[in-house]
Protein backbone atom coordinates (compact mmCIF):
# COMPACT_ATOMS: atom_id res chain seq x y z
CA UNK A 1 0.00 0.00 0.00
CA UNK A 2 1.44 3.32 -1.08
CA UNK A 3 -0.19 6.73 -0.67
CA UNK A 4 1.06 9.97 -2.24
CA UNK A 5 -0.25 13.50 -2.15
CA UNK A 6 -0.21 15.00 -5.65
CA UNK A 7 -0.74 18.59 -6.61
CA UNK A 8 -2.06 19.43 -10.07
CA UNK A 9 -1.45 22.89 -11.44
CA UNK A 10 -4.04 24.58 -13.63
CA UNK A 11 -3.07 24.99 -17.26
CA UNK A 12 -2.77 28.32 -19.08
CA UNK A 13 -5.59 30.01 -20.96
CA UNK A 14 -6.11 28.92 -24.56
CA UNK A 15 -3.83 29.42 -27.53
CA UNK A 16 -5.41 28.81 -30.94
CA UNK A 17 -4.18 25.21 -31.22
CA UNK A 18 -5.21 24.29 -27.65
CA UNK A 19 -8.67 25.81 -28.21
CA UNK A 20 -9.09 23.71 -31.36
CA UNK A 21 -7.95 20.54 -29.54
CA UNK A 22 -10.24 21.02 -26.55
CA UNK A 23 -13.23 22.01 -28.72
CA UNK A 24 -12.68 18.82 -30.73
CA UNK A 25 -12.31 16.65 -27.61
CA UNK A 26 -15.07 18.19 -25.49
CA UNK A 27 -17.53 19.54 -28.05
CA UNK A 28 -16.85 17.45 -31.15
CA UNK A 29 -16.12 20.62 -33.19
CA UNK A 30 -13.86 20.59 -36.25
CA UNK A 31 -11.06 23.18 -36.31
CA UNK A 32 -13.01 25.15 -38.94
CA UNK A 33 -16.22 25.13 -36.87
CA UNK A 34 -14.26 26.25 -33.80
CA UNK A 35 -12.58 29.13 -35.64
CA UNK A 36 -15.78 30.30 -37.36
CA UNK A 37 -17.60 30.33 -34.01
CA UNK A 38 -14.69 32.05 -32.25
CA UNK A 39 -14.57 34.68 -35.04
CA UNK A 40 -18.21 35.61 -34.35
CA UNK A 41 -17.55 35.79 -30.58
CA UNK A 42 -14.57 38.06 -31.30
CA UNK A 43 -16.31 40.33 -33.83
CA UNK A 44 -19.32 40.85 -31.60
CA UNK A 45 -22.67 39.49 -30.55
CA UNK A 46 -25.80 41.60 -30.09
CA UNK A 47 -26.63 41.27 -26.38
CA UNK A 48 -30.13 42.23 -25.30
CA UNK A 49 -28.92 44.27 -22.30
CA UNK A 50 -25.51 45.47 -23.52
CA UNK A 51 -25.67 46.06 -27.29
CA UNK A 52 -23.02 44.71 -29.67
CA UNK A 53 -20.12 43.22 -27.69
CA UNK A 54 -16.98 41.36 -28.67
CA UNK A 55 -16.92 38.58 -26.07
CA UNK A 56 -13.42 37.14 -26.53
CA UNK A 57 -9.94 38.45 -27.31
CA UNK A 58 -8.38 37.72 -30.69
CA UNK A 59 -8.51 33.97 -31.36
CA UNK A 60 -5.36 33.57 -33.46
CA UNK A 61 -2.53 33.53 -30.93
CA UNK A 62 0.35 31.41 -29.69
CA UNK A 63 0.66 33.42 -26.50
CA UNK A 64 -0.30 32.29 -22.98
CA UNK A 65 0.11 35.84 -21.63
CA UNK A 66 -2.76 37.66 -19.90
CA UNK A 67 -3.02 41.45 -19.66
CA UNK A 68 -2.44 42.82 -16.12
CA UNK A 69 -5.91 44.43 -15.92
CA UNK A 70 -7.51 41.10 -16.93
CA UNK A 71 -5.51 39.31 -14.21
CA UNK A 72 -6.76 41.82 -11.67
CA UNK A 73 -10.40 41.38 -12.67
CA UNK A 74 -10.24 37.56 -12.81
CA UNK A 75 -8.69 37.48 -9.33
CA UNK A 76 -11.54 39.65 -7.99
CA UNK A 77 -14.06 37.38 -9.72
CA UNK A 78 -12.54 34.19 -8.24
CA UNK A 79 -12.40 35.69 -4.74
CA UNK A 80 -16.03 36.83 -4.99
CA UNK A 81 -17.47 33.65 -6.49
CA UNK A 82 -15.29 30.90 -4.99
CA UNK A 83 -13.54 32.47 -1.97
CA UNK A 84 -9.94 32.99 -0.88
CA UNK A 85 -9.12 29.25 -0.79
CA UNK A 86 -9.37 29.20 -4.59
CA UNK A 87 -7.21 32.29 -5.12
CA UNK A 88 -3.42 31.83 -5.24
CA UNK A 89 -1.34 34.38 -3.30
CA UNK A 90 0.20 35.61 -6.56
CA UNK A 91 -1.32 35.41 -10.05
CA UNK A 92 -0.37 32.23 -11.91
CA UNK A 93 2.26 33.07 -14.54
CA UNK A 94 2.63 30.96 -17.67
CA UNK A 95 5.40 30.72 -20.20
CA UNK A 96 5.11 29.27 -23.66
CA UNK A 97 6.96 25.96 -23.91
CA UNK A 98 9.69 25.45 -26.46
CA UNK A 99 10.87 28.15 -28.82
CA UNK A 100 10.69 31.55 -27.14
CA UNK A 101 10.36 33.35 -30.50
CA UNK A 102 6.59 33.11 -30.14
CA UNK A 103 4.38 35.80 -31.68
CA UNK A 104 3.29 37.73 -28.60
CA UNK A 105 1.34 40.54 -30.23
CA UNK A 106 -1.94 39.09 -28.92
CA UNK A 107 -2.55 37.68 -25.46
CA UNK A 108 -4.10 34.28 -24.76
CA UNK A 109 -7.74 33.74 -25.70
CA UNK A 110 -9.98 34.94 -22.89
CA UNK A 111 -13.30 36.69 -22.24
CA UNK A 112 -13.06 40.44 -22.88
CA UNK A 113 -15.18 41.38 -19.86
CA UNK A 114 -16.12 39.21 -16.87
CA UNK A 115 -19.46 41.01 -16.60
CA UNK A 116 -20.56 38.84 -19.53
CA UNK A 117 -20.72 35.54 -17.67
CA UNK A 118 -21.97 32.51 -19.62
CA UNK A 119 -25.21 32.79 -17.60
CA UNK A 120 -25.57 36.48 -18.49
CA UNK A 121 -25.27 35.90 -22.27
CA UNK A 122 -27.32 32.68 -22.41
CA UNK A 123 -30.18 33.26 -24.82
CA UNK A 124 -28.18 35.82 -26.83
CA UNK A 125 -25.78 33.24 -28.24
CA UNK A 126 -26.41 30.42 -30.70
CA UNK A 127 -25.80 26.93 -29.19
CA UNK A 128 -22.30 26.56 -30.73
CA UNK A 129 -21.36 30.05 -29.56
CA UNK A 130 -22.60 29.34 -26.03
CA UNK A 131 -20.66 26.07 -25.80
CA UNK A 132 -17.41 27.57 -27.10
CA UNK A 133 -17.77 30.69 -24.96
CA UNK A 134 -18.28 28.56 -21.83
CA UNK A 135 -15.18 26.51 -22.74
CA UNK A 136 -13.07 29.68 -23.13
CA UNK A 137 -14.61 31.26 -20.01
CA UNK A 138 -14.03 28.24 -17.76
CA UNK A 139 -10.50 27.68 -19.03
CA UNK A 140 -9.58 31.32 -18.35
CA UNK A 141 -11.12 31.40 -14.84
CA UNK A 142 -9.48 28.08 -13.90
CA UNK A 143 -6.06 29.24 -15.16
CA UNK A 144 -5.88 31.71 -12.26
CA UNK A 145 -7.16 29.41 -9.52
CA UNK A 146 -5.27 27.35 -6.93
CA UNK A 147 -3.89 23.89 -7.61
CA UNK A 148 -5.88 20.74 -6.94
CA UNK A 149 -4.70 18.40 -4.18
CA UNK A 150 -5.25 14.70 -4.79
CA UNK A 151 -4.41 11.70 -2.60
CA UNK A 152 -3.32 8.79 -4.79
CA UNK A 153 -3.22 5.28 -3.40
CA UNK A 154 -1.62 2.26 -5.05
CA UNK A 155 -2.16 -1.28 -3.78
CA UNK A 156 0.12 -4.02 -5.13
CA UNK A 157 -0.02 -7.70 -4.28
CA UNK A 158 1.03 -11.08 -5.60
CA UNK A 159 -1.07 -14.20 -5.71
CA UNK A 160 0.12 -17.54 -7.13
CA UNK A 161 2.91 -15.86 -9.06
CA UNK A 162 0.60 -13.21 -10.58
CA UNK A 163 1.07 -9.56 -9.72
CA UNK A 164 -1.87 -7.24 -9.30
CA UNK A 165 -1.97 -3.48 -8.90
CA UNK A 166 -4.90 -1.14 -8.26
CA UNK A 167 -4.80 2.64 -8.25
CA UNK A 168 -7.28 5.04 -6.73
CA UNK A 169 -7.44 8.72 -6.03
CA UNK A 170 -9.42 11.00 -3.75
CA UNK A 171 -9.67 14.70 -4.40
CA UNK A 172 -8.75 16.43 -1.13
CA UNK A 173 -9.16 19.95 -2.52
CA UNK A 174 -10.53 20.54 -6.03
CA UNK A 175 -8.92 23.95 -6.67
CA UNK A 176 -9.13 24.84 -10.37
CA UNK A 177 -10.91 21.52 -11.11
CA UNK A 178 -14.04 23.11 -9.61
CA UNK A 179 -14.28 25.06 -12.87
CA UNK A 180 -12.37 23.14 -15.54
CA UNK A 181 -11.25 19.58 -16.26
CA UNK A 182 -9.02 18.89 -19.24
CA UNK A 183 -10.58 16.65 -21.86
CA UNK A 184 -9.15 13.13 -21.87
CA UNK A 185 -7.38 13.11 -25.22
C-alpha atoms as a PDB file:
ATOM      1  CA  UNK A   1       0.000   0.000   0.000  1.00  0.00           C
ATOM      2  CA  UNK A   2       1.439   3.318  -1.079  1.00  0.00           C
ATOM      3  CA  UNK A   3      -0.191   6.735  -0.669  1.00  0.00           C
ATOM      4  CA  UNK A   4       1.058   9.967  -2.240  1.00  0.00           C
ATOM      5  CA  UNK A   5      -0.248  13.504  -2.154  1.00  0.00           C
ATOM      6  CA  UNK A   6      -0.207  15.001  -5.648  1.00  0.00           C
ATOM      7  CA  UNK A   7      -0.745  18.590  -6.613  1.00  0.00           C
ATOM      8  CA  UNK A   8      -2.057  19.434 -10.068  1.00  0.00           C
ATOM      9  CA  UNK A   9      -1.447  22.892 -11.444  1.00  0.00           C
ATOM     10  CA  UNK A  10      -4.039  24.583 -13.630  1.00  0.00           C
ATOM     11  CA  UNK A  11      -3.067  24.987 -17.262  1.00  0.00           C
ATOM     12  CA  UNK A  12      -2.765  28.316 -19.083  1.00  0.00           C
ATOM     13  CA  UNK A  13      -5.590  30.013 -20.964  1.00  0.00           C
ATOM     14  CA  UNK A  14      -6.113  28.919 -24.558  1.00  0.00           C
ATOM     15  CA  UNK A  15      -3.832  29.421 -27.526  1.00  0.00           C
ATOM     16  CA  UNK A  16      -5.409  28.808 -30.945  1.00  0.00           C
ATOM     17  CA  UNK A  17      -4.182  25.213 -31.218  1.00  0.00           C
ATOM     18  CA  UNK A  18      -5.211  24.294 -27.653  1.00  0.00           C
ATOM     19  CA  UNK A  19      -8.666  25.806 -28.211  1.00  0.00           C
ATOM     20  CA  UNK A  20      -9.087  23.709 -31.359  1.00  0.00           C
ATOM     21  CA  UNK A  21      -7.947  20.535 -29.543  1.00  0.00           C
ATOM     22  CA  UNK A  22     -10.243  21.023 -26.548  1.00  0.00           C
ATOM     23  CA  UNK A  23     -13.226  22.012 -28.721  1.00  0.00           C
ATOM     24  CA  UNK A  24     -12.675  18.816 -30.735  1.00  0.00           C
ATOM     25  CA  UNK A  25     -12.314  16.646 -27.614  1.00  0.00           C
ATOM     26  CA  UNK A  26     -15.069  18.190 -25.494  1.00  0.00           C
ATOM     27  CA  UNK A  27     -17.529  19.542 -28.049  1.00  0.00           C
ATOM     28  CA  UNK A  28     -16.847  17.454 -31.150  1.00  0.00           C
ATOM     29  CA  UNK A  29     -16.118  20.618 -33.190  1.00  0.00           C
ATOM     30  CA  UNK A  30     -13.859  20.591 -36.251  1.00  0.00           C
ATOM     31  CA  UNK A  31     -11.058  23.180 -36.314  1.00  0.00           C
ATOM     32  CA  UNK A  32     -13.011  25.150 -38.938  1.00  0.00           C
ATOM     33  CA  UNK A  33     -16.219  25.134 -36.872  1.00  0.00           C
ATOM     34  CA  UNK A  34     -14.258  26.251 -33.798  1.00  0.00           C
ATOM     35  CA  UNK A  35     -12.583  29.134 -35.637  1.00  0.00           C
ATOM     36  CA  UNK A  36     -15.783  30.301 -37.362  1.00  0.00           C
ATOM     37  CA  UNK A  37     -17.599  30.335 -34.015  1.00  0.00           C
ATOM     38  CA  UNK A  38     -14.690  32.052 -32.253  1.00  0.00           C
ATOM     39  CA  UNK A  39     -14.565  34.676 -35.037  1.00  0.00           C
ATOM     40  CA  UNK A  40     -18.210  35.612 -34.348  1.00  0.00           C
ATOM     41  CA  UNK A  41     -17.553  35.794 -30.583  1.00  0.00           C
ATOM     42  CA  UNK A  42     -14.572  38.063 -31.299  1.00  0.00           C
ATOM     43  CA  UNK A  43     -16.311  40.329 -33.830  1.00  0.00           C
ATOM     44  CA  UNK A  44     -19.323  40.851 -31.605  1.00  0.00           C
ATOM     45  CA  UNK A  45     -22.675  39.492 -30.551  1.00  0.00           C
ATOM     46  CA  UNK A  46     -25.796  41.605 -30.086  1.00  0.00           C
ATOM     47  CA  UNK A  47     -26.631  41.273 -26.379  1.00  0.00           C
ATOM     48  CA  UNK A  48     -30.135  42.235 -25.298  1.00  0.00           C
ATOM     49  CA  UNK A  49     -28.924  44.270 -22.299  1.00  0.00           C
ATOM     50  CA  UNK A  50     -25.514  45.470 -23.516  1.00  0.00           C
ATOM     51  CA  UNK A  51     -25.669  46.059 -27.290  1.00  0.00           C
ATOM     52  CA  UNK A  52     -23.023  44.714 -29.674  1.00  0.00           C
ATOM     53  CA  UNK A  53     -20.117  43.222 -27.690  1.00  0.00           C
ATOM     54  CA  UNK A  54     -16.981  41.356 -28.674  1.00  0.00           C
ATOM     55  CA  UNK A  55     -16.920  38.581 -26.072  1.00  0.00           C
ATOM     56  CA  UNK A  56     -13.416  37.144 -26.531  1.00  0.00           C
ATOM     57  CA  UNK A  57      -9.944  38.453 -27.308  1.00  0.00           C
ATOM     58  CA  UNK A  58      -8.376  37.717 -30.694  1.00  0.00           C
ATOM     59  CA  UNK A  59      -8.510  33.970 -31.356  1.00  0.00           C
ATOM     60  CA  UNK A  60      -5.356  33.573 -33.455  1.00  0.00           C
ATOM     61  CA  UNK A  61      -2.529  33.534 -30.935  1.00  0.00           C
ATOM     62  CA  UNK A  62       0.350  31.407 -29.693  1.00  0.00           C
ATOM     63  CA  UNK A  63       0.659  33.420 -26.499  1.00  0.00           C
ATOM     64  CA  UNK A  64      -0.297  32.290 -22.984  1.00  0.00           C
ATOM     65  CA  UNK A  65       0.114  35.840 -21.635  1.00  0.00           C
ATOM     66  CA  UNK A  66      -2.762  37.659 -19.903  1.00  0.00           C
ATOM     67  CA  UNK A  67      -3.016  41.445 -19.662  1.00  0.00           C
ATOM     68  CA  UNK A  68      -2.438  42.822 -16.116  1.00  0.00           C
ATOM     69  CA  UNK A  69      -5.908  44.425 -15.924  1.00  0.00           C
ATOM     70  CA  UNK A  70      -7.512  41.102 -16.926  1.00  0.00           C
ATOM     71  CA  UNK A  71      -5.505  39.312 -14.215  1.00  0.00           C
ATOM     72  CA  UNK A  72      -6.758  41.819 -11.669  1.00  0.00           C
ATOM     73  CA  UNK A  73     -10.396  41.383 -12.671  1.00  0.00           C
ATOM     74  CA  UNK A  74     -10.243  37.564 -12.810  1.00  0.00           C
ATOM     75  CA  UNK A  75      -8.693  37.483  -9.328  1.00  0.00           C
ATOM     76  CA  UNK A  76     -11.542  39.654  -7.987  1.00  0.00           C
ATOM     77  CA  UNK A  77     -14.057  37.384  -9.719  1.00  0.00           C
ATOM     78  CA  UNK A  78     -12.536  34.185  -8.237  1.00  0.00           C
ATOM     79  CA  UNK A  79     -12.397  35.691  -4.741  1.00  0.00           C
ATOM     80  CA  UNK A  80     -16.026  36.827  -4.985  1.00  0.00           C
ATOM     81  CA  UNK A  81     -17.470  33.655  -6.491  1.00  0.00           C
ATOM     82  CA  UNK A  82     -15.285  30.897  -4.988  1.00  0.00           C
ATOM     83  CA  UNK A  83     -13.544  32.467  -1.973  1.00  0.00           C
ATOM     84  CA  UNK A  84      -9.938  32.989  -0.879  1.00  0.00           C
ATOM     85  CA  UNK A  85      -9.125  29.250  -0.791  1.00  0.00           C
ATOM     86  CA  UNK A  86      -9.370  29.204  -4.588  1.00  0.00           C
ATOM     87  CA  UNK A  87      -7.212  32.289  -5.120  1.00  0.00           C
ATOM     88  CA  UNK A  88      -3.417  31.829  -5.239  1.00  0.00           C
ATOM     89  CA  UNK A  89      -1.343  34.377  -3.296  1.00  0.00           C
ATOM     90  CA  UNK A  90       0.202  35.614  -6.558  1.00  0.00           C
ATOM     91  CA  UNK A  91      -1.321  35.411 -10.055  1.00  0.00           C
ATOM     92  CA  UNK A  92      -0.371  32.227 -11.906  1.00  0.00           C
ATOM     93  CA  UNK A  93       2.264  33.065 -14.544  1.00  0.00           C
ATOM     94  CA  UNK A  94       2.635  30.961 -17.667  1.00  0.00           C
ATOM     95  CA  UNK A  95       5.404  30.723 -20.199  1.00  0.00           C
ATOM     96  CA  UNK A  96       5.115  29.271 -23.661  1.00  0.00           C
ATOM     97  CA  UNK A  97       6.959  25.961 -23.905  1.00  0.00           C
ATOM     98  CA  UNK A  98       9.686  25.453 -26.460  1.00  0.00           C
ATOM     99  CA  UNK A  99      10.868  28.146 -28.823  1.00  0.00           C
ATOM    100  CA  UNK A 100      10.687  31.553 -27.145  1.00  0.00           C
ATOM    101  CA  UNK A 101      10.363  33.354 -30.501  1.00  0.00           C
ATOM    102  CA  UNK A 102       6.590  33.115 -30.144  1.00  0.00           C
ATOM    103  CA  UNK A 103       4.375  35.796 -31.678  1.00  0.00           C
ATOM    104  CA  UNK A 104       3.289  37.729 -28.598  1.00  0.00           C
ATOM    105  CA  UNK A 105       1.336  40.541 -30.226  1.00  0.00           C
ATOM    106  CA  UNK A 106      -1.944  39.087 -28.918  1.00  0.00           C
ATOM    107  CA  UNK A 107      -2.552  37.680 -25.461  1.00  0.00           C
ATOM    108  CA  UNK A 108      -4.099  34.279 -24.757  1.00  0.00           C
ATOM    109  CA  UNK A 109      -7.743  33.739 -25.703  1.00  0.00           C
ATOM    110  CA  UNK A 110      -9.980  34.940 -22.886  1.00  0.00           C
ATOM    111  CA  UNK A 111     -13.305  36.694 -22.240  1.00  0.00           C
ATOM    112  CA  UNK A 112     -13.058  40.444 -22.883  1.00  0.00           C
ATOM    113  CA  UNK A 113     -15.176  41.375 -19.863  1.00  0.00           C
ATOM    114  CA  UNK A 114     -16.118  39.214 -16.865  1.00  0.00           C
ATOM    115  CA  UNK A 115     -19.465  41.014 -16.605  1.00  0.00           C
ATOM    116  CA  UNK A 116     -20.557  38.840 -19.526  1.00  0.00           C
ATOM    117  CA  UNK A 117     -20.722  35.543 -17.669  1.00  0.00           C
ATOM    118  CA  UNK A 118     -21.967  32.509 -19.617  1.00  0.00           C
ATOM    119  CA  UNK A 119     -25.212  32.789 -17.597  1.00  0.00           C
ATOM    120  CA  UNK A 120     -25.572  36.481 -18.495  1.00  0.00           C
ATOM    121  CA  UNK A 121     -25.268  35.902 -22.270  1.00  0.00           C
ATOM    122  CA  UNK A 122     -27.318  32.685 -22.409  1.00  0.00           C
ATOM    123  CA  UNK A 123     -30.183  33.263 -24.821  1.00  0.00           C
ATOM    124  CA  UNK A 124     -28.181  35.824 -26.828  1.00  0.00           C
ATOM    125  CA  UNK A 125     -25.780  33.237 -28.237  1.00  0.00           C
ATOM    126  CA  UNK A 126     -26.414  30.417 -30.695  1.00  0.00           C
ATOM    127  CA  UNK A 127     -25.804  26.930 -29.194  1.00  0.00           C
ATOM    128  CA  UNK A 128     -22.298  26.557 -30.728  1.00  0.00           C
ATOM    129  CA  UNK A 129     -21.356  30.053 -29.560  1.00  0.00           C
ATOM    130  CA  UNK A 130     -22.600  29.344 -26.028  1.00  0.00           C
ATOM    131  CA  UNK A 131     -20.661  26.068 -25.804  1.00  0.00           C
ATOM    132  CA  UNK A 132     -17.410  27.568 -27.104  1.00  0.00           C
ATOM    133  CA  UNK A 133     -17.768  30.694 -24.963  1.00  0.00           C
ATOM    134  CA  UNK A 134     -18.280  28.558 -21.829  1.00  0.00           C
ATOM    135  CA  UNK A 135     -15.184  26.507 -22.736  1.00  0.00           C
ATOM    136  CA  UNK A 136     -13.072  29.682 -23.129  1.00  0.00           C
ATOM    137  CA  UNK A 137     -14.612  31.263 -20.013  1.00  0.00           C
ATOM    138  CA  UNK A 138     -14.031  28.242 -17.758  1.00  0.00           C
ATOM    139  CA  UNK A 139     -10.497  27.683 -19.034  1.00  0.00           C
ATOM    140  CA  UNK A 140      -9.581  31.321 -18.348  1.00  0.00           C
ATOM    141  CA  UNK A 141     -11.117  31.404 -14.843  1.00  0.00           C
ATOM    142  CA  UNK A 142      -9.478  28.078 -13.903  1.00  0.00           C
ATOM    143  CA  UNK A 143      -6.057  29.242 -15.159  1.00  0.00           C
ATOM    144  CA  UNK A 144      -5.884  31.713 -12.262  1.00  0.00           C
ATOM    145  CA  UNK A 145      -7.162  29.405  -9.520  1.00  0.00           C
ATOM    146  CA  UNK A 146      -5.272  27.351  -6.928  1.00  0.00           C
ATOM    147  CA  UNK A 147      -3.893  23.893  -7.615  1.00  0.00           C
ATOM    148  CA  UNK A 148      -5.883  20.740  -6.944  1.00  0.00           C
ATOM    149  CA  UNK A 149      -4.703  18.401  -4.180  1.00  0.00           C
ATOM    150  CA  UNK A 150      -5.246  14.696  -4.794  1.00  0.00           C
ATOM    151  CA  UNK A 151      -4.410  11.696  -2.600  1.00  0.00           C
ATOM    152  CA  UNK A 152      -3.323   8.791  -4.795  1.00  0.00           C
ATOM    153  CA  UNK A 153      -3.225   5.278  -3.400  1.00  0.00           C
ATOM    154  CA  UNK A 154      -1.625   2.258  -5.052  1.00  0.00           C
ATOM    155  CA  UNK A 155      -2.156  -1.276  -3.779  1.00  0.00           C
ATOM    156  CA  UNK A 156       0.123  -4.023  -5.130  1.00  0.00           C
ATOM    157  CA  UNK A 157      -0.024  -7.701  -4.282  1.00  0.00           C
ATOM    158  CA  UNK A 158       1.026 -11.077  -5.597  1.00  0.00           C
ATOM    159  CA  UNK A 159      -1.075 -14.205  -5.710  1.00  0.00           C
ATOM    160  CA  UNK A 160       0.123 -17.541  -7.134  1.00  0.00           C
ATOM    161  CA  UNK A 161       2.914 -15.859  -9.065  1.00  0.00           C
ATOM    162  CA  UNK A 162       0.604 -13.210 -10.584  1.00  0.00           C
ATOM    163  CA  UNK A 163       1.073  -9.556  -9.722  1.00  0.00           C
ATOM    164  CA  UNK A 164      -1.874  -7.236  -9.296  1.00  0.00           C
ATOM    165  CA  UNK A 165      -1.967  -3.475  -8.895  1.00  0.00           C
ATOM    166  CA  UNK A 166      -4.896  -1.144  -8.264  1.00  0.00           C
ATOM    167  CA  UNK A 167      -4.799   2.635  -8.248  1.00  0.00           C
ATOM    168  CA  UNK A 168      -7.278   5.037  -6.730  1.00  0.00           C
ATOM    169  CA  UNK A 169      -7.444   8.721  -6.031  1.00  0.00           C
ATOM    170  CA  UNK A 170      -9.416  10.995  -3.750  1.00  0.00           C
ATOM    171  CA  UNK A 171      -9.667  14.702  -4.404  1.00  0.00           C
ATOM    172  CA  UNK A 172      -8.749  16.425  -1.131  1.00  0.00           C
ATOM    173  CA  UNK A 173      -9.165  19.947  -2.520  1.00  0.00           C
ATOM    174  CA  UNK A 174     -10.532  20.545  -6.031  1.00  0.00           C
ATOM    175  CA  UNK A 175      -8.919  23.950  -6.666  1.00  0.00           C
ATOM    176  CA  UNK A 176      -9.130  24.840 -10.371  1.00  0.00           C
ATOM    177  CA  UNK A 177     -10.911  21.524 -11.105  1.00  0.00           C
ATOM    178  CA  UNK A 178     -14.037  23.110  -9.615  1.00  0.00           C
ATOM    179  CA  UNK A 179     -14.282  25.056 -12.866  1.00  0.00           C
ATOM    180  CA  UNK A 180     -12.372  23.139 -15.544  1.00  0.00           C
ATOM    181  CA  UNK A 181     -11.252  19.583 -16.265  1.00  0.00           C
ATOM    182  CA  UNK A 182      -9.016  18.895 -19.243  1.00  0.00           C
ATOM    183  CA  UNK A 183     -10.576  16.652 -21.861  1.00  0.00           C
ATOM    184  CA  UNK A 184      -9.155  13.127 -21.868  1.00  0.00           C
ATOM    185  CA  UNK A 185      -7.380  13.115 -25.220  1.00  0.00           C
END
